Amino acid sequence: MKPTKWPVGDELRSRLDPHVGAAYVGPAVVGVLRIEVHIGSARSLKEKRAVLRPVLDAARSRYRVGIAEVAYQDLHQRAAIEVAAVASAAHVVTGVLDAVERLVWSAPDLEVISCDRHWAEQD
């Protein structure tokens, strides 16, 4: 009986990735959105997390972004959220970050203090 030959290298990639052979367009575009919010109804860190968690989970599931609370973890009425989006075109990243920003603005218990956008620079 002849041993089975397992695919390796390009052969393995071509079986796993349906886009093999697609032309390389250029570098990825990375955008970061930082939003600082005030949570007036929060009286404890537990209440703060109860308000933030649905917003963070909704952004992750709807828009496939990386999102986390990055500052003021020890304060119960303030939070800083950062969102990262990656795509091959800047207009796609802009659209995703716009949608996440609208999601945060529409959260009833959050008051947006500031929003800033940053673009990753190529070295």
PDB file of N, CA and C in Angstrom:
ATOM      1  N   MET A   1       0.841  -1.179   0.000  1.00  0.00           N
ATOM      2  CA  MET A   1       0.000   0.000   0.000  1.00  0.00           C
ATOM      3  C   MET A   1       0.884   1.240   0.000  1.00  0.00           C
ATOM      4  N   LYS A   2       0.586   2.170  -0.860  1.00  0.00           N
ATOM      5  CA  LYS A   2       1.369   3.390  -1.039  1.00  0.00           C
ATOM      6  C   LYS A   2       0.950   4.431   0.003  1.00  0.00           C
ATOM      7  N   PRO A   3       1.923   5.106   0.686  1.00  0.00           N
ATOM      8  CA  PRO A   3       1.565   6.126   1.684  1.00  0.00           C
ATOM      9  C   PRO A   3       0.918   7.343   1.013  1.00  0.00           C
ATOM     10  N   THR A   4       0.014   7.974   1.753  1.00  0.00           N
ATOM     11  CA  THR A   4      -0.678   9.160   1.256  1.00  0.00           C
ATOM     12  C   THR A   4       0.267  10.352   1.272  1.00  0.00           C
ATOM     13  N   LYS A   5       0.282  11.084   0.171  1.00  0.00           N
ATOM     14  CA  LYS A   5       1.111  12.291   0.096  1.00  0.00           C
ATOM     15  C   LYS A   5       0.260  13.474   0.545  1.00  0.00           C
ATOM     16  N   TRP A   6       0.687  14.152   1.616  1.00  0.00           N
ATOM     17  CA  TRP A   6      -0.031  15.310   2.136  1.00  0.00           C
ATOM     18  C   TRP A   6       0.387  16.553   1.375  1.00  0.00           C
ATOM     19  N   PRO A   7      -0.554  17.441   1.060  1.00  0.00           N
ATOM     20  CA  PRO A   7      -0.194  18.665   0.344  1.00  0.00           C
ATOM     21  C   PRO A   7       0.641  19.585   1.223  1.00  0.00           C
ATOM     22  N   VAL A   8       1.603  20.246   0.609  1.00  0.00           N
ATOM     23  CA  VAL A   8       2.442  21.202   1.327  1.00  0.00           C
ATOM     24  C   VAL A   8       2.599  22.468   0.488  1.00  0.00           C
ATOM     25  N   GLY A   9       3.021  23.531   1.156  1.00  0.00           N
ATOM     26  CA  GLY A   9       3.352  24.775   0.462  1.00  0.00           C
ATOM     27  C   GLY A   9       2.209  25.335  -0.358  1.00  0.00           C
ATOM     28  N   ASP A  10       2.516  25.670  -1.635  1.00  0.00           N
ATOM     29  CA  ASP A  10       1.528  26.293  -2.514  1.00  0.00           C
ATOM     30  C   ASP A  10       0.328  25.396  -2.771  1.00  0.00           C
ATOM     31  N   GLU A  11       0.568  24.102  -2.846  1.00  0.00           N
ATOM     32  CA  GLU A  11      -0.537  23.176  -3.075  1.00  0.00           C
ATOM     33  C   GLU A  11      -1.529  23.210  -1.916  1.00  0.00           C
ATOM     34  N   LEU A  12      -1.017  23.259  -0.682  1.00  0.00           N
ATOM     35  CA  LEU A  12      -1.885  23.332   0.490  1.00  0.00           C
ATOM     36  C   LEU A  12      -2.644  24.652   0.520  1.00  0.00           C
ATOM     37  N   ARG A  13      -1.935  25.747   0.249  1.00  0.00           N
ATOM     38  CA  ARG A  13      -2.578  27.055   0.246  1.00  0.00           C
ATOM     39  C   ARG A  13      -3.676  27.138  -0.816  1.00  0.00           C
ATOM     40  N   SER A  14      -3.447  26.546  -1.986  1.00  0.00           N
ATOM     41  CA  SER A  14      -4.446  26.608  -3.049  1.00  0.00           C
ATOM     42  C   SER A  14      -5.701  25.825  -2.678  1.00  0.00           C
ATOM     43  N   ARG A  15      -5.563  24.806  -1.855  1.00  0.00           N
ATOM     44  CA  ARG A  15      -6.735  24.052  -1.421  1.00  0.00           C
ATOM     45  C   ARG A  15      -7.496  24.790  -0.321  1.00  0.00           C
ATOM     46  N   LEU A  16      -6.804  25.547   0.507  1.00  0.00           N
ATOM     47  CA  LEU A  16      -7.435  26.226   1.636  1.00  0.00           C
ATOM     48  C   LEU A  16      -7.974  27.602   1.277  1.00  0.00           C
ATOM     49  N   ASP A  17      -7.274  28.300   0.410  1.00  0.00           N
ATOM     50  CA  ASP A  17      -7.620  29.691   0.108  1.00  0.00           C
ATOM     51  C   ASP A  17      -8.234  29.791  -1.290  1.00  0.00           C
ATOM     52  N   PRO A  18      -9.502  30.165  -1.402  1.00  0.00           N
ATOM     53  CA  PRO A  18     -10.122  30.258  -2.719  1.00  0.00           C
ATOM     54  C   PRO A  18      -9.592  31.423  -3.552  1.00  0.00           C
ATOM     55  N   HIS A  19      -8.840  32.338  -2.941  1.00  0.00           N
ATOM     56  CA  HIS A  19      -8.360  33.521  -3.655  1.00  0.00           C
ATOM     57  C   HIS A  19      -6.915  33.389  -4.121  1.00  0.00           C
ATOM     58  N   VAL A  20      -6.353  32.197  -4.073  1.00  0.00           N
ATOM     59  CA  VAL A  20      -4.975  32.026  -4.534  1.00  0.00           C
ATOM     60  C   VAL A  20      -4.917  32.369  -6.011  1.00  0.00           C
ATOM     61  N   GLY A  21      -3.910  33.104  -6.385  1.00  0.00           N
ATOM     62  CA  GLY A  21      -3.768  33.498  -7.766  1.00  0.00           C
ATOM     63  C   GLY A  21      -4.313  34.889  -8.027  1.00  0.00           C
ATOM     64  N   ALA A  22      -5.015  35.465  -7.049  1.00  0.00           N
ATOM     65  CA  ALA A  22      -5.501  36.826  -7.211  1.00  0.00           C
ATOM     66  C   ALA A  22      -4.316  37.779  -7.238  1.00  0.00           C
ATOM     67  N   ALA A  23      -4.435  38.820  -8.018  1.00  0.00           N
ATOM     68  CA  ALA A  23      -3.335  39.776  -8.142  1.00  0.00           C
ATOM     69  C   ALA A  23      -3.151  40.547  -6.837  1.00  0.00           C
ATOM     70  N   TYR A  24      -1.917  40.807  -6.480  1.00  0.00           N
ATOM     71  CA  TYR A  24      -1.618  41.601  -5.292  1.00  0.00           C
ATOM     72  C   TYR A  24      -1.890  43.056  -5.636  1.00  0.00           C
ATOM     73  N   VAL A  25      -2.780  43.689  -4.870  1.00  0.00           N
ATOM     74  CA  VAL A  25      -3.200  45.051  -5.166  1.00  0.00           C
ATOM     75  C   VAL A  25      -2.297  46.079  -4.506  1.00  0.00           C
ATOM     76  N   GLY A  26      -1.913  45.848  -3.264  1.00  0.00           N
ATOM     77  CA  GLY A  26      -1.090  46.801  -2.544  1.00  0.00           C
ATOM     78  C   GLY A  26      -1.177  46.550  -1.064  1.00  0.00           C
ATOM     79  N   PRO A  27      -0.583  47.425  -0.299  1.00  0.00           N
ATOM     80  CA  PRO A  27      -0.565  47.226   1.153  1.00  0.00           C
ATOM     81  C   PRO A  27      -1.945  47.416   1.770  1.00  0.00           C
ATOM     82  N   ALA A  28      -2.131  46.809   2.904  1.00  0.00           N
ATOM     83  CA  ALA A  28      -3.391  46.948   3.636  1.00  0.00           C
ATOM     84  C   ALA A  28      -3.475  48.341   4.250  1.00  0.00           C
ATOM     85  N   VAL A  29      -4.696  48.803   4.428  1.00  0.00           N
ATOM     86  CA  VAL A  29      -4.965  50.087   5.061  1.00  0.00           C
ATOM     87  C   VAL A  29      -5.475  49.791   6.463  1.00  0.00           C
ATOM     88  N   VAL A  30      -4.857  50.429   7.464  1.00  0.00           N
ATOM     89  CA  VAL A  30      -5.241  50.212   8.854  1.00  0.00           C
ATOM     90  C   VAL A  30      -5.711  51.538   9.438  1.00  0.00           C
ATOM     91  N   GLY A  31      -6.923  51.531   9.958  1.00  0.00           N
ATOM     92  CA  GLY A  31      -7.476  52.721  10.589  1.00  0.00           C
ATOM     93  C   GLY A  31      -7.818  52.433  12.040  1.00  0.00           C
ATOM     94  N   VAL A  32      -7.576  53.411  12.902  1.00  0.00           N
ATOM     95  CA  VAL A  32      -7.874  53.263  14.327  1.00  0.00           C
ATOM     96  C   VAL A  32      -8.771  54.429  14.744  1.00  0.00           C
ATOM     97  N   LEU A  33      -9.849  54.091  15.418  1.00  0.00           N
ATOM     98  CA  LEU A  33     -10.787  55.074  15.932  1.00  0.00           C
ATOM     99  C   LEU A  33     -10.745  55.023  17.448  1.00  0.00           C
ATOM    100  N   ARG A  34     -10.510  56.173  18.079  1.00  0.00           N
ATOM    101  CA  ARG A  34     -10.517  56.252  19.543  1.00  0.00           C
ATOM    102  C   ARG A  34     -11.707  57.101  19.965  1.00  0.00           C
ATOM    103  N   ILE A  35     -12.532  56.534  20.835  1.00  0.00           N
ATOM    104  CA  ILE A  35     -13.724  57.213  21.317  1.00  0.00           C
ATOM    105  C   ILE A  35     -13.677  57.249  22.833  1.00  0.00           C
ATOM    106  N   GLU A  36     -13.801  58.446  23.395  1.00  0.00           N
ATOM    107  CA  GLU A  36     -13.889  58.578  24.847  1.00  0.00           C
ATOM    108  C   GLU A  36     -15.340  58.854  25.195  1.00  0.00           C
ATOM    109  N   VAL A  37     -15.844  58.111  26.186  1.00  0.00           N
ATOM    110  CA  VAL A  37     -17.253  58.217  26.556  1.00  0.00           C
ATOM    111  C   VAL A  37     -17.419  58.438  28.048  1.00  0.00           C
ATOM    112  N   HIS A  38     -18.560  59.024  28.393  1.00  0.00           N
ATOM    113  CA  HIS A  38     -18.965  59.204  29.783  1.00  0.00           C
ATOM    114  C   HIS A  38     -20.209  58.354  29.995  1.00  0.00           C
ATOM    115  N   ILE A  39     -20.244  57.620  31.098  1.00  0.00           N
ATOM    116  CA  ILE A  39     -21.375  56.750  31.413  1.00  0.00           C
ATOM    117  C   ILE A  39     -21.969  57.266  32.720  1.00  0.00           C
ATOM    118  N   GLY A  40     -22.886  58.208  32.606  1.00  0.00           N
ATOM    119  CA  GLY A  40     -23.447  58.870  33.777  1.00  0.00           C
ATOM    120  C   GLY A  40     -24.250  57.962  34.684  1.00  0.00           C
ATOM    121  N   SER A  41     -24.837  56.914  34.141  1.00  0.00           N
ATOM    122  CA  SER A  41     -25.691  56.032  34.943  1.00  0.00           C
ATOM    123  C   SER A  41     -24.904  54.988  35.728  1.00  0.00           C
ATOM    124  N   ALA A  42     -23.615  54.840  35.443  1.00  0.00           N
ATOM    125  CA  ALA A  42     -22.815  53.800  36.107  1.00  0.00           C
ATOM    126  C   ALA A  42     -22.424  54.230  37.517  1.00  0.00           C
ATOM    127  N   ARG A  43     -22.728  53.385  38.474  1.00  0.00           N
ATOM    128  CA  ARG A  43     -22.358  53.638  39.867  1.00  0.00           C
ATOM    129  C   ARG A  43     -21.257  52.697  40.350  1.00  0.00           C
ATOM    130  N   SER A  44     -20.865  51.769  39.481  1.00  0.00           N
ATOM    131  CA  SER A  44     -19.793  50.834  39.828  1.00  0.00           C
ATOM    132  C   SER A  44     -19.130  50.362  38.536  1.00  0.00           C
ATOM    133  N   LEU A  45     -17.987  49.707  38.676  1.00  0.00           N
ATOM    134  CA  LEU A  45     -17.304  49.163  37.498  1.00  0.00           C
ATOM    135  C   LEU A  45     -18.147  48.069  36.841  1.00  0.00           C
ATOM    136  N   LYS A  46     -18.889  47.336  37.656  1.00  0.00           N
ATOM    137  CA  LYS A  46     -19.762  46.291  37.120  1.00  0.00           C
ATOM    138  C   LYS A  46     -20.860  46.900  36.235  1.00  0.00           C
ATOM    139  N   GLU A  47     -21.455  47.998  36.668  1.00  0.00           N
ATOM    140  CA  GLU A  47     -22.465  48.673  35.859  1.00  0.00           C
ATOM    141  C   GLU A  47     -21.855  49.262  34.594  1.00  0.00           C
ATOM    142  N   LYS A  48     -20.642  49.770  34.697  1.00  0.00           N
ATOM    143  CA  LYS A  48     -19.945  50.312  33.533  1.00  0.00           C
ATOM    144  C   LYS A  48     -19.752  49.216  32.488  1.00  0.00           C
ATOM    145  N   ARG A  49     -19.279  48.063  32.922  1.00  0.00           N
ATOM    146  CA  ARG A  49     -19.066  46.949  31.991  1.00  0.00           C
ATOM    147  C   ARG A  49     -20.387  46.475  31.380  1.00  0.00           C
ATOM    148  N   ALA A  50     -21.469  46.515  32.169  1.00  0.00           N
ATOM    149  CA  ALA A  50     -22.779  46.103  31.666  1.00  0.00           C
ATOM    150  C   ALA A  50     -23.271  47.031  30.552  1.00  0.00           C
ATOM    151  N   VAL A  51     -22.869  48.289  30.592  1.00  0.00           N
ATOM    152  CA  VAL A  51     -23.235  49.242  29.538  1.00  0.00           C
ATOM    153  C   VAL A  51     -22.318  49.083  28.325  1.00  0.00           C
ATOM    154  N   LEU A  52     -21.018  48.908  28.556  1.00  0.00           N
ATOM    155  CA  LEU A  52     -20.046  48.831  27.459  1.00  0.00           C
ATOM    156  C   LEU A  52     -20.102  47.511  26.693  1.00  0.00           C
ATOM    157  N   ARG A  53     -20.282  46.399  27.412  1.00  0.00           N
ATOM    158  CA  ARG A  53     -20.185  45.080  26.779  1.00  0.00           C
ATOM    159  C   ARG A  53     -21.103  44.910  25.566  1.00  0.00           C
ATOM    160  N   PRO A  54     -22.389  45.278  25.637  1.00  0.00           N
ATOM    161  CA  PRO A  54     -23.235  45.103  24.445  1.00  0.00           C
ATOM    162  C   PRO A  54     -22.759  45.920  23.236  1.00  0.00           C
ATOM    163  N   VAL A  55     -22.233  47.092  23.490  1.00  0.00           N
ATOM    164  CA  VAL A  55     -21.740  47.937  22.393  1.00  0.00           C
ATOM    165  C   VAL A  55     -20.500  47.307  21.763  1.00  0.00           C
ATOM    166  N   LEU A  56     -19.568  46.860  22.592  1.00  0.00           N
ATOM    167  CA  LEU A  56     -18.348  46.234  22.084  1.00  0.00           C
ATOM    168  C   LEU A  56     -18.673  44.941  21.339  1.00  0.00           C
ATOM    169  N   ASP A  57     -19.543  44.119  21.907  1.00  0.00           N
ATOM    170  CA  ASP A  57     -19.914  42.857  21.259  1.00  0.00           C
ATOM    171  C   ASP A  57     -20.643  43.093  19.937  1.00  0.00           C
ATOM    172  N   ALA A  58     -21.519  44.088  19.895  1.00  0.00           N
ATOM    173  CA  ALA A  58     -22.239  44.396  18.655  1.00  0.00           C
ATOM    174  C   ALA A  58     -21.272  44.849  17.562  1.00  0.00           C
ATOM    175  N   ALA A  59     -20.311  45.689  17.909  1.00  0.00           N
ATOM    176  CA  ALA A  59     -19.326  46.149  16.921  1.00  0.00           C
ATOM    177  C   ALA A  59     -18.499  44.986  16.397  1.00  0.00           C
ATOM    178  N   ARG A  60     -18.069  44.105  17.296  1.00  0.00           N
ATOM    179  CA  ARG A  60     -17.287  42.935  16.874  1.00  0.00           C
ATOM    180  C   ARG A  60     -18.067  42.044  15.921  1.00  0.00           C
ATOM    181  N   SER A  61     -19.303  41.759  16.276  1.00  0.00           N
ATOM    182  CA  SER A  61     -20.072  40.812  15.466  1.00  0.00           C
ATOM    183  C   SER A  61     -20.586  41.424  14.162  1.00  0.00           C
ATOM    184  N   ARG A  62     -21.025  42.671  14.181  1.00  0.00           N
ATOM    185  CA  ARG A  62     -21.571  43.299  12.971  1.00  0.00           C
ATOM    186  C   ARG A  62     -20.506  43.719  11.976  1.00  0.00           C
ATOM    187  N   TYR A  63     -19.411  44.288  12.487  1.00  0.00           N
ATOM    188  CA  TYR A  63     -18.444  44.936  11.595  1.00  0.00           C
ATOM    189  C   TYR A  63     -17.083  44.242  11.536  1.00  0.00           C
ATOM    190  N   ARG A  64     -16.909  43.178  12.294  1.00  0.00           N
ATOM    191  CA  ARG A  64     -15.659  42.407  12.281  1.00  0.00           C
ATOM    192  C   ARG A  64     -14.435  43.288  12.513  1.00  0.00           C
ATOM    193  N   VAL A  65     -14.473  44.058  13.581  1.00  0.00           N
ATOM    194  CA  VAL A  65     -13.366  44.945  13.947  1.00  0.00           C
ATOM    195  C   VAL A  65     -12.751  44.457  15.252  1.00  0.00           C
ATOM    196  N   GLY A  66     -11.550  44.916  15.503  1.00  0.00           N
ATOM    197  CA  GLY A  66     -10.943  44.741  16.811  1.00  0.00           C
ATOM    198  C   GLY A  66     -11.352  45.931  17.660  1.00  0.00           C
ATOM    199  N   ILE A  67     -11.908  45.675  18.827  1.00  0.00           N
ATOM    200  CA  ILE A  67     -12.389  46.764  19.673  1.00  0.00           C
ATOM    201  C   ILE A  67     -12.146  46.404  21.130  1.00  0.00           C
ATOM    202  N   ALA A  68     -11.705  47.394  21.915  1.00  0.00           N
ATOM    203  CA  ALA A  68     -11.428  47.148  23.333  1.00  0.00           C
ATOM    204  C   ALA A  68     -11.476  48.455  24.108  1.00  0.00           C
ATOM    205  N   GLU A  69     -11.729  48.311  25.403  1.00  0.00           N
ATOM    206  CA  GLU A  69     -11.605  49.441  26.315  1.00  0.00           C
ATOM    207  C   GLU A  69     -10.121  49.564  26.637  1.00  0.00           C
ATOM    208  N   VAL A  70      -9.529  50.720  26.385  1.00  0.00           N
ATOM    209  CA  VAL A  70      -8.076  50.844  26.492  1.00  0.00           C
ATOM    210  C   VAL A  70      -7.602  51.793  27.590  1.00  0.00           C
ATOM    211  N   ALA A  71      -8.499  52.550  28.187  1.00  0.00           N
ATOM    212  CA  ALA A  71      -8.081  53.483  29.238  1.00  0.00           C
ATOM    213  C   ALA A  71      -9.222  53.711  30.211  1.00  0.00           C
ATOM    214  N   TYR A  72      -8.878  54.235  31.352  1.00  0.00           N
ATOM    215  CA  TYR A  72      -9.827  54.567  32.413  1.00  0.00           C
ATOM    216  C   TYR A  72     -10.562  53.329  32.955  1.00  0.00           C
ATOM    217  N   GLN A  73      -9.893  52.179  32.961  1.00  0.00           N
ATOM    218  CA  GLN A  73     -10.532  50.963  33.471  1.00  0.00           C
ATOM    219  C   GLN A  73     -10.882  51.070  34.952  1.00  0.00           C
ATOM    220  N   ASP A  74     -10.174  51.927  35.690  1.00  0.00           N
ATOM    221  CA  ASP A  74     -10.428  52.053  37.125  1.00  0.00           C
ATOM    222  C   ASP A  74     -11.484  53.114  37.462  1.00  0.00           C
ATOM    223  N   LEU A  75     -11.973  53.852  36.470  1.00  0.00           N
ATOM    224  CA  LEU A  75     -13.012  54.856  36.689  1.00  0.00           C
ATOM    225  C   LEU A  75     -14.360  54.296  36.245  1.00  0.00           C
ATOM    226  N   HIS A  76     -15.394  54.456  37.053  1.00  0.00           N
ATOM    227  CA  HIS A  76     -16.667  53.827  36.732  1.00  0.00           C
ATOM    228  C   HIS A  76     -17.575  54.650  35.818  1.00  0.00           C
ATOM    229  N   GLN A  77     -17.241  55.900  35.532  1.00  0.00           N
ATOM    230  CA  GLN A  77     -18.092  56.696  34.647  1.00  0.00           C
ATOM    231  C   GLN A  77     -17.386  57.164  33.374  1.00  0.00           C
ATOM    232  N   ARG A  78     -16.202  56.681  33.138  1.00  0.00           N
ATOM    233  CA  ARG A  78     -15.473  57.106  31.953  1.00  0.00           C
ATOM    234  C   ARG A  78     -14.808  55.907  31.306  1.00  0.00           C
ATOM    235  N   ALA A  79     -14.712  55.937  29.969  1.00  0.00           N
ATOM    236  CA  ALA A  79     -14.050  54.862  29.243  1.00  0.00           C
ATOM    237  C   ALA A  79     -13.457  55.402  27.955  1.00  0.00           C
ATOM    238  N   ALA A  80     -12.385  54.790  27.526  1.00  0.00           N
ATOM    239  CA  ALA A  80     -11.810  55.068  26.216  1.00  0.00           C
ATOM    240  C   ALA A  80     -11.830  53.755  25.443  1.00  0.00           C
ATOM    241  N   ILE A  81     -12.422  53.813  24.270  1.00  0.00           N
ATOM    242  CA  ILE A  81     -12.571  52.637  23.419  1.00  0.00           C
ATOM    243  C   ILE A  81     -11.746  52.865  22.169  1.00  0.00           C
ATOM    244  N   GLU A  82     -11.014  51.837  21.744  1.00  0.00           N
ATOM    245  CA  GLU A  82     -10.297  51.923  20.470  1.00  0.00           C
ATOM    246  C   GLU A  82     -10.776  50.817  19.556  1.00  0.00           C
ATOM    247  N   VAL A  83     -10.933  51.182  18.292  1.00  0.00           N
ATOM    248  CA  VAL A  83     -11.428  50.273  17.263  1.00  0.00           C
ATOM    249  C   VAL A  83     -10.386  50.227  16.156  1.00  0.00           C
ATOM    250  N   ALA A  84     -10.040  49.028  15.702  1.00  0.00           N
ATOM    251  CA  ALA A  84      -9.101  48.875  14.589  1.00  0.00           C
ATOM    252  C   ALA A  84      -9.803  48.157  13.444  1.00  0.00           C
ATOM    253  N   ALA A  85      -9.639  48.697  12.242  1.00  0.00           N
ATOM    254  CA  ALA A  85     -10.208  48.090  11.039  1.00  0.00           C
ATOM    255  C   ALA A  85      -9.118  47.987   9.987  1.00  0.00           C
ATOM    256  N   VAL A  86      -9.111  46.885   9.264  1.00  0.00           N
ATOM    257  CA  VAL A  86      -8.100  46.638   8.234  1.00  0.00           C
ATOM    258  C   VAL A  86      -8.806  46.222   6.950  1.00  0.00           C
ATOM    259  N   ALA A  87      -8.384  46.808   5.835  1.00  0.00           N
ATOM    260  CA  ALA A  87      -8.924  46.436   4.525  1.00  0.00           C
ATOM    261  C   ALA A  87      -7.901  46.794   3.456  1.00  0.00           C
ATOM    262  N   SER A  88      -8.210  46.455   2.236  1.00  0.00           N
ATOM    263  CA  SER A  88      -7.288  46.763   1.148  1.00  0.00           C
ATOM    264  C   SER A  88      -7.530  48.145   0.554  1.00  0.00           C
ATOM    265  N   ALA A  89      -8.622  48.801   0.954  1.00  0.00           N
ATOM    266  CA  ALA A  89      -8.933  50.125   0.425  1.00  0.00           C
ATOM    267  C   ALA A  89      -9.345  51.059   1.560  1.00  0.00           C
ATOM    268  N   ALA A  90      -8.923  52.309   1.457  1.00  0.00           N
ATOM    269  CA  ALA A  90      -9.201  53.286   2.508  1.00  0.00           C
ATOM    270  C   ALA A  90     -10.692  53.567   2.657  1.00  0.00           C
ATOM    271  N   HIS A  91     -11.446  53.570   1.561  1.00  0.00           N
ATOM    272  CA  HIS A  91     -12.878  53.870   1.663  1.00  0.00           C
ATOM    273  C   HIS A  91     -13.626  52.777   2.433  1.00  0.00           C
ATOM    274  N   VAL A  92     -13.135  51.554   2.380  1.00  0.00           N
ATOM    275  CA  VAL A  92     -13.757  50.472   3.138  1.00  0.00           C
ATOM    276  C   VAL A  92     -13.518  50.674   4.636  1.00  0.00           C
ATOM    277  N   VAL A  93     -12.282  50.998   5.002  1.00  0.00           N
ATOM    278  CA  VAL A  93     -11.952  51.245   6.407  1.00  0.00           C
ATOM    279  C   VAL A  93     -12.738  52.443   6.925  1.00  0.00           C
ATOM    280  N   THR A  94     -12.824  53.501   6.143  1.00  0.00           N
ATOM    281  CA  THR A  94     -13.582  54.687   6.541  1.00  0.00           C
ATOM    282  C   THR A  94     -15.048  54.343   6.778  1.00  0.00           C
ATOM    283  N   GLY A  95     -15.627  53.552   5.897  1.00  0.00           N
ATOM    284  CA  GLY A  95     -17.025  53.150   6.053  1.00  0.00           C
ATOM    285  C   GLY A  95     -17.266  52.332   7.307  1.00  0.00           C
ATOM    286  N   VAL A  96     -16.360  51.411   7.597  1.00  0.00           N
ATOM    287  CA  VAL A  96     -16.493  50.570   8.789  1.00  0.00           C
ATOM    288  C   VAL A  96     -16.358  51.423  10.052  1.00  0.00           C
ATOM    289  N   LEU A  97     -15.352  52.294  10.089  1.00  0.00           N
ATOM    290  CA  LEU A  97     -15.167  53.144  11.267  1.00  0.00           C
ATOM    291  C   LEU A  97     -16.343  54.108  11.446  1.00  0.00           C
ATOM    292  N   ASP A  98     -16.898  54.616  10.350  1.00  0.00           N
ATOM    293  CA  ASP A  98     -18.094  55.467  10.431  1.00  0.00           C
ATOM    294  C   ASP A  98     -19.261  54.699  11.053  1.00  0.00           C
ATOM    295  N   ALA A  99     -19.450  53.456  10.632  1.00  0.00           N
ATOM    296  CA  ALA A  99     -20.549  52.645  11.149  1.00  0.00           C
ATOM    297  C   ALA A  99     -20.379  52.354  12.639  1.00  0.00           C
ATOM    298  N   VAL A 100     -19.151  52.057  13.061  1.00  0.00           N
ATOM    299  CA  VAL A 100     -18.902  51.799  14.481  1.00  0.00           C
ATOM    300  C   VAL A 100     -19.119  53.077  15.287  1.00  0.00           C
ATOM    301  N   GLU A 101     -18.687  54.200  14.750  1.00  0.00           N
ATOM    302  CA  GLU A 101     -18.897  55.470  15.452  1.00  0.00           C
ATOM    303  C   GLU A 101     -20.394  55.763  15.613  1.00  0.00           C
ATOM    304  N   ARG A 102     -21.186  55.505  14.577  1.00  0.00           N
ATOM    305  CA  ARG A 102     -22.639  55.695  14.683  1.00  0.00           C
ATOM    306  C   ARG A 102     -23.241  54.761  15.731  1.00  0.00           C
ATOM    307  N   LEU A 103     -22.731  53.527  15.787  1.00  0.00           N
ATOM    308  CA  LEU A 103     -23.212  52.566  16.786  1.00  0.00           C
ATOM    309  C   LEU A 103     -22.974  53.088  18.199  1.00  0.00           C
ATOM    310  N   VAL A 104     -21.781  53.616  18.454  1.00  0.00           N
ATOM    311  CA  VAL A 104     -21.462  54.138  19.789  1.00  0.00           C
ATOM    312  C   VAL A 104     -22.324  55.370  20.090  1.00  0.00           C
ATOM    313  N   TRP A 105     -22.467  56.267  19.119  1.00  0.00           N
ATOM    314  CA  TRP A 105     -23.292  57.463  19.329  1.00  0.00           C
ATOM    315  C   TRP A 105     -24.736  57.091  19.619  1.00  0.00           C
ATOM    316  N   SER A 106     -25.217  55.985  19.073  1.00  0.00           N
ATOM    317  CA  SER A 106     -26.622  55.606  19.256  1.00  0.00           C
ATOM    318  C   SER A 106     -26.880  54.855  20.562  1.00  0.00           C
ATOM    319  N   ALA A 107     -25.833  54.472  21.279  1.00  0.00           N
ATOM    320  CA  ALA A 107     -26.018  53.773  22.557  1.00  0.00           C
ATOM    321  C   ALA A 107     -26.654  54.729  23.559  1.00  0.00           C
ATOM    322  N   PRO A 108     -27.770  54.331  24.169  1.00  0.00           N
ATOM    323  CA  PRO A 108     -28.520  55.274  25.008  1.00  0.00           C
ATOM    324  C   PRO A 108     -27.807  55.707  26.290  1.00  0.00           C
ATOM    325  N   ASP A 109     -26.971  54.868  26.868  1.00  0.00           N
ATOM    326  CA  ASP A 109     -26.336  55.205  28.147  1.00  0.00           C
ATOM    327  C   ASP A 109     -24.946  55.805  27.999  1.00  0.00           C
ATOM    328  N   LEU A 110     -24.484  56.005  26.766  1.00  0.00           N
ATOM    329  CA  LEU A 110     -23.146  56.546  26.540  1.00  0.00           C
ATOM    330  C   LEU A 110     -23.232  57.979  26.032  1.00  0.00           C
ATOM    331  N   GLU A 111     -22.396  58.840  26.594  1.00  0.00           N
ATOM    332  CA  GLU A 111     -22.257  60.206  26.110  1.00  0.00           C
ATOM    333  C   GLU A 111     -20.853  60.335  25.535  1.00  0.00           C
ATOM    334  N   VAL A 112     -20.755  60.583  24.251  1.00  0.00           N
ATOM    335  CA  VAL A 112     -19.452  60.666  23.592  1.00  0.00           C
ATOM    336  C   VAL A 112     -18.788  61.984  23.953  1.00  0.00           C
ATOM    337  N   ILE A 113     -17.550  61.891  24.447  1.00  0.00           N
ATOM    338  CA  ILE A 113     -16.769  63.077  24.811  1.00  0.00           C
ATOM    339  C   ILE A 113     -15.900  63.512  23.644  1.00  0.00           C
ATOM    340  N   SER A 114     -15.238  62.535  23.007  1.00  0.00           N
ATOM    341  CA  SER A 114     -14.383  62.861  21.862  1.00  0.00           C
ATOM    342  C   SER A 114     -14.191  61.647  20.967  1.00  0.00           C
ATOM    343  N   CYS A 115     -13.886  61.927  19.695  1.00  0.00           N
ATOM    344  CA  CYS A 115     -13.570  60.893  18.703  1.00  0.00           C
ATOM    345  C   CYS A 115     -12.346  61.349  17.918  1.00  0.00           C
ATOM    346  N   ASP A 116     -11.404  60.450  17.751  1.00  0.00           N
ATOM    347  CA  ASP A 116     -10.203  60.736  16.951  1.00  0.00           C
ATOM    348  C   ASP A 116      -9.923  59.550  16.052  1.00  0.00           C
ATOM    349  N   ARG A 117      -9.431  59.845  14.844  1.00  0.00           N
ATOM    350  CA  ARG A 117      -9.036  58.782  13.906  1.00  0.00           C
ATOM    351  C   ARG A 117      -7.551  58.894  13.609  1.00  0.00           C
ATOM    352  N   HIS A 118      -6.965  57.727  13.467  1.00  0.00           N
ATOM    353  CA  HIS A 118      -5.544  57.655  13.116  1.00  0.00           C
ATOM    354  C   HIS A 118      -5.388  56.614  12.025  1.00  0.00           C
ATOM    355  N   TRP A 119      -4.458  56.848  11.143  1.00  0.00           N
ATOM    356  CA  TRP A 119      -4.154  55.898  10.075  1.00  0.00           C
ATOM    357  C   TRP A 119      -2.749  55.383  10.283  1.00  0.00           C
ATOM    358  N   ALA A 120      -2.590  54.087  10.171  1.00  0.00           N
ATOM    359  CA  ALA A 120      -1.259  53.494  10.311  1.00  0.00           C
ATOM    360  C   ALA A 120      -0.403  53.896   9.118  1.00  0.00           C
ATOM    361  N   GLU A 121       0.781  54.317   9.400  1.00  0.00           N
ATOM    362  CA  GLU A 121       1.708  54.741   8.358  1.00  0.00           C
ATOM    363  C   GLU A 121       2.580  53.561   7.942  1.00  0.00           C
ATOM    364  N   GLN A 122       2.903  53.543   6.658  1.00  0.00           N
ATOM    365  CA  GLN A 122       3.789  52.513   6.157  1.00  0.00           C
ATOM    366  C   GLN A 122       5.225  52.899   6.465  1.00  0.00           C
ATOM    367  N   ASP A 123       6.001  51.928   6.945  1.00  0.00           N
ATOM    368  CA  ASP A 123       7.409  52.221   7.305  1.00  0.00           C
ATOM    369  C   ASP A 123       8.282  52.405   6.104  1.00  0.00           C
TER     370      ASP A 123
END
